[in-house]
Structure formats: structure tokens, C-alpha cells
Amino acid sequence: MWAKHKQQSGFTIVELLIVIVVIAILAAISIVAYNGIQARARDNIRYSDAKTIIKALEVYKADTGSYPITMATTVSGVPSISGCTSVNANGYSYSWATDGRWMKPLVDGGYLSKIPTPPLNDCSHYYSYLYVAAANATAYNCPSRTKGYYVLLVFGADGVYFPNDAASTASTTWKACPESNVSWGGSTKYWAFAKDDE
């Protein structure tokens, strides 16, 4: 009588390795796609916040005749501001400030229902606002300038895109005048929105 041999079923080592490699590739693709989606979402929030602030600035100006003055972030030792050693105050109002001055005139006046802050809000990712009144329009080496203006900055974007309605472009920074020694924006990670006080 012949002994019956039962055939063993299962995966070989090579088959298991192939399955593991395929799973690893799919996981890597998913992670990269997820990170890209998250970056786009953060930049969309930043852009939406900028548009909300700009609309509030325009309504404020229609009601009061001027853009709101800058409620400058309190400086506790320049160049270190609230632990942000790489950021200088220069009269700006910063979204990461803890002194309650970020967009204060717009919030106090009811032009903004809540204070807009970026998805990441720290010394490397923030919004900033500066208003230069007509009386100080010649600042930043602009002797012939007569109009005031505001500059709204989005700093530390993920760089997924550059807003086509920003004051600067992805290759050109915005300046208060051609001879200005200060420029704003000009990269996919650093956006500047600016407008003259007419």
C-alpha cells in the first residue's frame, strides 16, 4: 500500500517578500499623497484667512475713512519678542503674539467675528500686519510717496501655490516704492498683500 502524501499549502518566502514590498510601496504613496493634501489644506486656510482680513480692512476703511492703525506687538527685548528670536517687532502686529493686539481694531469693532490665526502659529508660521499712515509714507526710503498703505503678510506657507492676487509675485517682492530699502513677500512661502490708502 502506497503511503499518501498530503500536499502542504502556504506561501513561499519569495511570495511573502513580494507582498511585503507591494504593501510598503502602497503605504509610501499614501503617506506622500496625504502630506500633499495636508499642505494644500493649510495653504487654503491661510489664503482664506487673508481674504477675510482684507474684506474686514475694506469695511473698516469704508466706516472710518482709514485702515486700522497697527496695534504693534509688545516687545520684550529686541530682537527677541516673546521668545521669537528671529523676528523683529518694527511696529508690526503678529498673529503669534500673546498680548492680544493681533487684529485688535477689527475684532473690537466687530469687523471680524474671531481672530484669524494660521494652522501653524509660531515664530516661523504667522500672519503680520503693518499700516503706514500718509504722514509717515516717506518711511522705508520713499521720499516721494504721499499715500499711506497697509501690508498684510502670510509667513511660512507650505508653498503649494502662490496667490495670484497678492501684491507681490512668486518672483518679485512688493516695495512701497522702487527705491525702498524694504521689501515684502515674493516667494511661495512668503506672501504679501498690500494696498494704498486712497
C-alpha atoms as a PDB file:
ATOM      1  CA  MET A   1       0.000   0.000   0.000  1.00  0.00           C
ATOM      2  CA  TRP A   2       1.335   3.305  -1.000  1.00  0.00           C
ATOM      3  CA  ALA A   3       1.535   5.996   1.639  1.00  0.00           C
ATOM      4  CA  LYS A   4      -0.467   9.032   0.664  1.00  0.00           C
ATOM      5  CA  HIS A   5       1.466  12.277   0.940  1.00  0.00           C
ATOM      6  CA  LYS A   6      -0.588  15.304   1.818  1.00  0.00           C
ATOM      7  CA  GLN A   7       0.447  18.366  -0.164  1.00  0.00           C
ATOM      8  CA  GLN A   8       1.229  21.276   2.121  1.00  0.00           C
ATOM      9  CA  SER A   9      -0.227  24.596   1.106  1.00  0.00           C
ATOM     10  CA  GLY A  10       1.165  28.024   2.014  1.00  0.00           C
ATOM     11  CA  PHE A  11       3.232  30.921   0.815  1.00  0.00           C
ATOM     12  CA  THR A  12       6.864  30.677  -0.090  1.00  0.00           C
ATOM     13  CA  ILE A  13       9.361  33.191   1.265  1.00  0.00           C
ATOM     14  CA  VAL A  14       9.586  34.865  -2.135  1.00  0.00           C
ATOM     15  CA  GLU A  15       5.809  35.331  -2.310  1.00  0.00           C
ATOM     16  CA  LEU A  16       5.752  36.797   1.188  1.00  0.00           C
ATOM     17  CA  LEU A  17       8.560  39.215   0.319  1.00  0.00           C
ATOM     18  CA  ILE A  18       6.715  40.361  -2.803  1.00  0.00           C
ATOM     19  CA  VAL A  19       3.542  41.017  -0.789  1.00  0.00           C
ATOM     20  CA  ILE A  20       5.524  42.970   1.844  1.00  0.00           C
ATOM     21  CA  VAL A  21       7.246  45.083  -0.823  1.00  0.00           C
ATOM     22  CA  VAL A  22       3.921  45.886  -2.535  1.00  0.00           C
ATOM     23  CA  ILE A  23       2.352  46.890   0.797  1.00  0.00           C
ATOM     24  CA  ALA A  24       5.365  49.095   1.606  1.00  0.00           C
ATOM     25  CA  ILE A  25       5.141  50.844  -1.781  1.00  0.00           C
ATOM     26  CA  LEU A  26       1.409  51.488  -1.367  1.00  0.00           C
ATOM     27  CA  ALA A  27       1.975  52.826   2.160  1.00  0.00           C
ATOM     28  CA  ALA A  28       4.713  55.193   0.938  1.00  0.00           C
ATOM     29  CA  ILE A  29       2.490  56.508  -1.869  1.00  0.00           C
ATOM     30  CA  SER A  30      -0.367  57.049   0.586  1.00  0.00           C
ATOM     31  CA  ILE A  31       1.831  58.961   3.038  1.00  0.00           C
ATOM     32  CA  VAL A  32       3.197  61.257   0.320  1.00  0.00           C
ATOM     33  CA  ALA A  33      -0.304  61.926  -1.040  1.00  0.00           C
ATOM     34  CA  TYR A  34      -1.639  62.585   2.481  1.00  0.00           C
ATOM     35  CA  ASN A  35       1.162  65.051   3.250  1.00  0.00           C
ATOM     36  CA  GLY A  36       0.457  66.902  -0.003  1.00  0.00           C
ATOM     37  CA  ILE A  37      -3.243  67.111   0.813  1.00  0.00           C
ATOM     38  CA  GLN A  38      -2.460  68.451   4.287  1.00  0.00           C
ATOM     39  CA  ALA A  39      -0.090  71.096   2.867  1.00  0.00           C
ATOM     40  CA  ARG A  40      -2.718  72.245   0.349  1.00  0.00           C
ATOM     41  CA  ALA A  41      -5.337  72.394   3.090  1.00  0.00           C
ATOM     42  CA  ARG A  42      -3.097  74.565   5.288  1.00  0.00           C
ATOM     43  CA  ASP A  43      -2.337  76.958   2.415  1.00  0.00           C
ATOM     44  CA  ASN A  44      -6.047  77.141   1.558  1.00  0.00           C
ATOM     45  CA  ILE A  45      -6.785  78.143   5.160  1.00  0.00           C
ATOM     46  CA  ARG A  46      -4.050  80.799   5.049  1.00  0.00           C
ATOM     47  CA  TYR A  47      -5.401  82.230   1.802  1.00  0.00           C
ATOM     48  CA  SER A  48      -8.975  82.192   3.098  1.00  0.00           C
ATOM     49  CA  ASP A  49      -7.876  83.973   6.290  1.00  0.00           C
ATOM     50  CA  ALA A  50      -6.033  86.628   4.246  1.00  0.00           C
ATOM     51  CA  LYS A  51      -9.132  87.274   2.139  1.00  0.00           C
ATOM     52  CA  THR A  52     -11.280  87.507   5.284  1.00  0.00           C
ATOM     53  CA  ILE A  53      -8.885  90.027   6.842  1.00  0.00           C
ATOM     54  CA  ILE A  54      -8.724  92.076   3.624  1.00  0.00           C
ATOM     55  CA  LYS A  55     -12.522  92.254   3.426  1.00  0.00           C
ATOM     56  CA  ALA A  56     -12.667  93.357   7.067  1.00  0.00           C
ATOM     57  CA  LEU A  57     -10.000  96.014   6.371  1.00  0.00           C
ATOM     58  CA  GLU A  58     -12.059  97.407   3.492  1.00  0.00           C
ATOM     59  CA  VAL A  59     -15.272  97.557   5.551  1.00  0.00           C
ATOM     60  CA  TYR A  60     -13.351  99.194   8.419  1.00  0.00           C
ATOM     61  CA  LYS A  61     -11.973 101.796   5.999  1.00  0.00           C
ATOM     62  CA  ALA A  62     -15.425 102.444   4.500  1.00  0.00           C
ATOM     63  CA  ASP A  63     -16.759 103.127   8.018  1.00  0.00           C
ATOM     64  CA  THR A  64     -13.836 105.118   9.429  1.00  0.00           C
ATOM     65  CA  GLY A  65     -12.087 106.612   6.396  1.00  0.00           C
ATOM     66  CA  SER A  66      -8.783 104.878   7.036  1.00  0.00           C
ATOM     67  CA  TYR A  67      -7.292 101.449   7.522  1.00  0.00           C
ATOM     68  CA  PRO A  68      -6.778 100.498  11.177  1.00  0.00           C
ATOM     69  CA  ILE A  69      -3.559 101.566  12.815  1.00  0.00           C
ATOM     70  CA  THR A  70      -1.124  98.846  13.741  1.00  0.00           C
ATOM     71  CA  MET A  71      -1.529  97.668  17.309  1.00  0.00           C
ATOM     72  CA  ALA A  72       2.141  96.732  17.475  1.00  0.00           C
ATOM     73  CA  THR A  73       3.091  93.582  19.296  1.00  0.00           C
ATOM     74  CA  THR A  74       4.581  94.370  22.680  1.00  0.00           C
ATOM     75  CA  VAL A  75       8.336  94.000  22.585  1.00  0.00           C
ATOM     76  CA  SER A  76      10.066  92.302  25.476  1.00  0.00           C
ATOM     77  CA  GLY A  77      13.608  92.892  24.331  1.00  0.00           C
ATOM     78  CA  VAL A  78      14.564  93.311  20.684  1.00  0.00           C
ATOM     79  CA  PRO A  79      15.305  91.198  18.703  1.00  0.00           C
ATOM     80  CA  SER A  80      13.692  88.635  20.985  1.00  0.00           C
ATOM     81  CA  ILE A  81       9.926  89.040  21.081  1.00  0.00           C
ATOM     82  CA  SER A  82       8.004  86.611  23.250  1.00  0.00           C
ATOM     83  CA  GLY A  83      10.705  84.024  22.611  1.00  0.00           C
ATOM     84  CA  CYS A  84      10.832  84.635  18.847  1.00  0.00           C
ATOM     85  CA  THR A  85      14.498  85.461  18.448  1.00  0.00           C
ATOM     86  CA  SER A  86      14.384  85.577  14.636  1.00  0.00           C
ATOM     87  CA  VAL A  87      11.552  88.133  14.419  1.00  0.00           C
ATOM     88  CA  ASN A  88      11.944  91.860  14.969  1.00  0.00           C
ATOM     89  CA  ALA A  89       8.962  93.981  16.037  1.00  0.00           C
ATOM     90  CA  ASN A  90       9.325  97.038  13.764  1.00  0.00           C
ATOM     91  CA  GLY A  91       5.842  98.205  14.685  1.00  0.00           C
ATOM     92  CA  TYR A  92       4.092  95.140  13.244  1.00  0.00           C
ATOM     93  CA  SER A  93       1.243  93.204  14.778  1.00  0.00           C
ATOM     94  CA  TYR A  94       1.842  89.443  14.819  1.00  0.00           C
ATOM     95  CA  SER A  95      -0.645  86.572  14.958  1.00  0.00           C
ATOM     96  CA  TRP A  96       1.521  84.617  17.405  1.00  0.00           C
ATOM     97  CA  ALA A  97       1.585  87.486  19.902  1.00  0.00           C
ATOM     98  CA  THR A  98       0.184  86.767  23.346  1.00  0.00           C
ATOM     99  CA  ASP A  99      -0.548  90.430  24.173  1.00  0.00           C
ATOM    100  CA  GLY A 100      -3.988  90.463  22.482  1.00  0.00           C
ATOM    101  CA  ARG A 101      -3.080  93.059  19.873  1.00  0.00           C
ATOM    102  CA  TRP A 102      -3.329  90.916  16.735  1.00  0.00           C
ATOM    103  CA  MET A 103      -6.156  92.424  14.605  1.00  0.00           C
ATOM    104  CA  LYS A 104      -7.459  94.154  17.730  1.00  0.00           C
ATOM    105  CA  PRO A 105      -9.196  97.114  15.981  1.00  0.00           C
ATOM    106  CA  LEU A 106     -11.035  94.750  13.617  1.00  0.00           C
ATOM    107  CA  VAL A 107     -12.124  92.403  16.384  1.00  0.00           C
ATOM    108  CA  ASP A 108     -13.094  95.171  18.841  1.00  0.00           C
ATOM    109  CA  GLY A 109     -15.123  96.923  16.138  1.00  0.00           C
ATOM    110  CA  GLY A 110     -16.955  93.728  15.198  1.00  0.00           C
ATOM    111  CA  TYR A 111     -15.434  93.567  11.719  1.00  0.00           C
ATOM    112  CA  LEU A 112     -14.060  90.105  12.471  1.00  0.00           C
ATOM    113  CA  SER A 113     -16.060  87.578  14.463  1.00  0.00           C
ATOM    114  CA  LYS A 114     -12.907  85.794  15.594  1.00  0.00           C
ATOM    115  CA  ILE A 115      -9.197  86.404  15.466  1.00  0.00           C
ATOM    116  CA  PRO A 116      -7.715  84.717  12.381  1.00  0.00           C
ATOM    117  CA  THR A 117      -4.626  82.652  13.090  1.00  0.00           C
ATOM    118  CA  PRO A 118      -2.782  80.294  10.743  1.00  0.00           C
ATOM    119  CA  PRO A 119      -2.948  76.489  11.081  1.00  0.00           C
ATOM    120  CA  LEU A 120       0.598  76.611  12.459  1.00  0.00           C
ATOM    121  CA  ASN A 121       1.017  79.761  14.532  1.00  0.00           C
ATOM    122  CA  ASP A 122       4.558  80.246  15.807  1.00  0.00           C
ATOM    123  CA  CYS A 123       7.707  82.243  15.098  1.00  0.00           C
ATOM    124  CA  SER A 124       8.121  80.605  11.680  1.00  0.00           C
ATOM    125  CA  HIS A 125       4.460  80.467  10.588  1.00  0.00           C
ATOM    126  CA  TYR A 126       2.389  83.587  11.208  1.00  0.00           C
ATOM    127  CA  TYR A 127       0.334  86.467   9.862  1.00  0.00           C
ATOM    128  CA  SER A 128       1.557  90.021  10.245  1.00  0.00           C
ATOM    129  CA  TYR A 129       0.003  93.444   9.664  1.00  0.00           C
ATOM    130  CA  LEU A 130       1.574  96.873   9.246  1.00  0.00           C
ATOM    131  CA  TYR A 131      -0.156 100.160   8.477  1.00  0.00           C
ATOM    132  CA  VAL A 132       1.920 103.133   7.359  1.00  0.00           C
ATOM    133  CA  ALA A 133      -0.121 106.347   7.519  1.00  0.00           C
ATOM    134  CA  ALA A 134       0.236 109.088   4.906  1.00  0.00           C
ATOM    135  CA  ALA A 135       2.116 111.224   7.451  1.00  0.00           C
ATOM    136  CA  ASN A 136       4.813 108.529   7.535  1.00  0.00           C
ATOM    137  CA  ALA A 137       4.582 107.494   3.883  1.00  0.00           C
ATOM    138  CA  THR A 138       8.167 108.540   3.212  1.00  0.00           C
ATOM    139  CA  ALA A 139       9.414 105.798   5.544  1.00  0.00           C
ATOM    140  CA  TYR A 140      11.414 102.921   4.094  1.00  0.00           C
ATOM    141  CA  ASN A 141      13.363 105.317   1.859  1.00  0.00           C
ATOM    142  CA  CYS A 142      10.346 106.531  -0.147  1.00  0.00           C
ATOM    143  CA  PRO A 143      10.821 110.347  -0.219  1.00  0.00           C
ATOM    144  CA  SER A 144       8.238 111.000  -2.953  1.00  0.00           C
ATOM    145  CA  ARG A 145       5.451 108.800  -1.584  1.00  0.00           C
ATOM    146  CA  THR A 146       2.348 110.639  -0.359  1.00  0.00           C
ATOM    147  CA  LYS A 147      -0.197 107.877   0.268  1.00  0.00           C
ATOM    148  CA  GLY A 148      -0.321 105.593   3.250  1.00  0.00           C
ATOM    149  CA  TYR A 149      -0.685 101.849   2.809  1.00  0.00           C
ATOM    150  CA  TYR A 150      -1.043  98.571   4.645  1.00  0.00           C
ATOM    151  CA  VAL A 151       0.863  95.336   4.241  1.00  0.00           C
ATOM    152  CA  LEU A 152      -0.645  92.007   5.303  1.00  0.00           C
ATOM    153  CA  LEU A 153       1.888  89.182   5.381  1.00  0.00           C
ATOM    154  CA  VAL A 154       1.469  85.427   5.386  1.00  0.00           C
ATOM    155  CA  PHE A 155       4.776  83.988   6.500  1.00  0.00           C
ATOM    156  CA  GLY A 156       5.725  80.308   6.497  1.00  0.00           C
ATOM    157  CA  ALA A 157       3.184  78.961   3.998  1.00  0.00           C
ATOM    158  CA  ASP A 158       3.721  75.416   2.767  1.00  0.00           C
ATOM    159  CA  GLY A 159       4.489  76.730  -0.713  1.00  0.00           C
ATOM    160  CA  VAL A 160       1.896  74.668  -2.572  1.00  0.00           C
ATOM    161  CA  TYR A 161       0.961  77.713  -4.681  1.00  0.00           C
ATOM    162  CA  PHE A 162       1.271  81.494  -4.742  1.00  0.00           C
ATOM    163  CA  PRO A 163      -1.903  83.643  -4.623  1.00  0.00           C
ATOM    164  CA  ASN A 164      -2.377  85.404  -7.956  1.00  0.00           C
ATOM    165  CA  ASP A 165      -3.920  88.433  -6.224  1.00  0.00           C
ATOM    166  CA  ALA A 166      -1.047  89.020  -3.811  1.00  0.00           C
ATOM    167  CA  ALA A 167       0.713  92.391  -4.058  1.00  0.00           C
ATOM    168  CA  SER A 168       3.988  90.693  -4.922  1.00  0.00           C
ATOM    169  CA  THR A 169       4.539  87.700  -7.154  1.00  0.00           C
ATOM    170  CA  ALA A 170       6.402  84.473  -6.572  1.00  0.00           C
ATOM    171  CA  SER A 171       9.474  86.041  -8.191  1.00  0.00           C
ATOM    172  CA  THR A 172       9.085  89.729  -7.292  1.00  0.00           C
ATOM    173  CA  THR A 173       8.825  91.281  -3.856  1.00  0.00           C
ATOM    174  CA  TRP A 174       6.472  94.188  -3.129  1.00  0.00           C
ATOM    175  CA  LYS A 175       8.020  97.520  -2.176  1.00  0.00           C
ATOM    176  CA  ALA A 176       6.370 100.727  -1.018  1.00  0.00           C
ATOM    177  CA  CYS A 177       8.278 102.454  -3.834  1.00  0.00           C
ATOM    178  CA  PRO A 178      11.001 101.429  -6.308  1.00  0.00           C
ATOM    179  CA  GLU A 179      13.806 102.891  -4.198  1.00  0.00           C
ATOM    180  CA  SER A 180      12.552 101.350  -0.936  1.00  0.00           C
ATOM    181  CA  ASN A 181      15.096  99.531   1.168  1.00  0.00           C
ATOM    182  CA  VAL A 182      12.428  97.149   2.485  1.00  0.00           C
ATOM    183  CA  SER A 183      10.519  94.536   0.519  1.00  0.00           C
ATOM    184  CA  TRP A 184       7.732  92.135   1.381  1.00  0.00           C
ATOM    185  CA  GLY A 185       6.624  88.778   0.028  1.00  0.00           C
ATOM    186  CA  GLY A 186       7.974  87.296  -3.156  1.00  0.00           C
ATOM    187  CA  SER A 187       8.048  83.553  -2.544  1.00  0.00           C
ATOM    188  CA  THR A 188       5.572  80.708  -2.398  1.00  0.00           C
ATOM    189  CA  LYS A 189       6.214  80.552   1.350  1.00  0.00           C
ATOM    190  CA  TYR A 190       6.041  84.303   1.972  1.00  0.00           C
ATOM    191  CA  TRP A 191       3.009  86.201   0.651  1.00  0.00           C
ATOM    192  CA  ALA A 192       2.393  89.932   0.814  1.00  0.00           C
ATOM    193  CA  PHE A 193      -0.958  91.632   0.266  1.00  0.00           C
ATOM    194  CA  ALA A 194      -0.756  95.416   0.172  1.00  0.00           C
ATOM    195  CA  LYS A 195      -2.967  98.332  -0.751  1.00  0.00           C
ATOM    196  CA  ASP A 196      -2.664 102.098  -0.859  1.00  0.00           C
ATOM    197  CA  ASP A 197      -4.765 104.219   1.443  1.00  0.00           C
ATOM    198  CA  GLU A 198      -6.694 106.225  -1.157  1.00  0.00           C
END
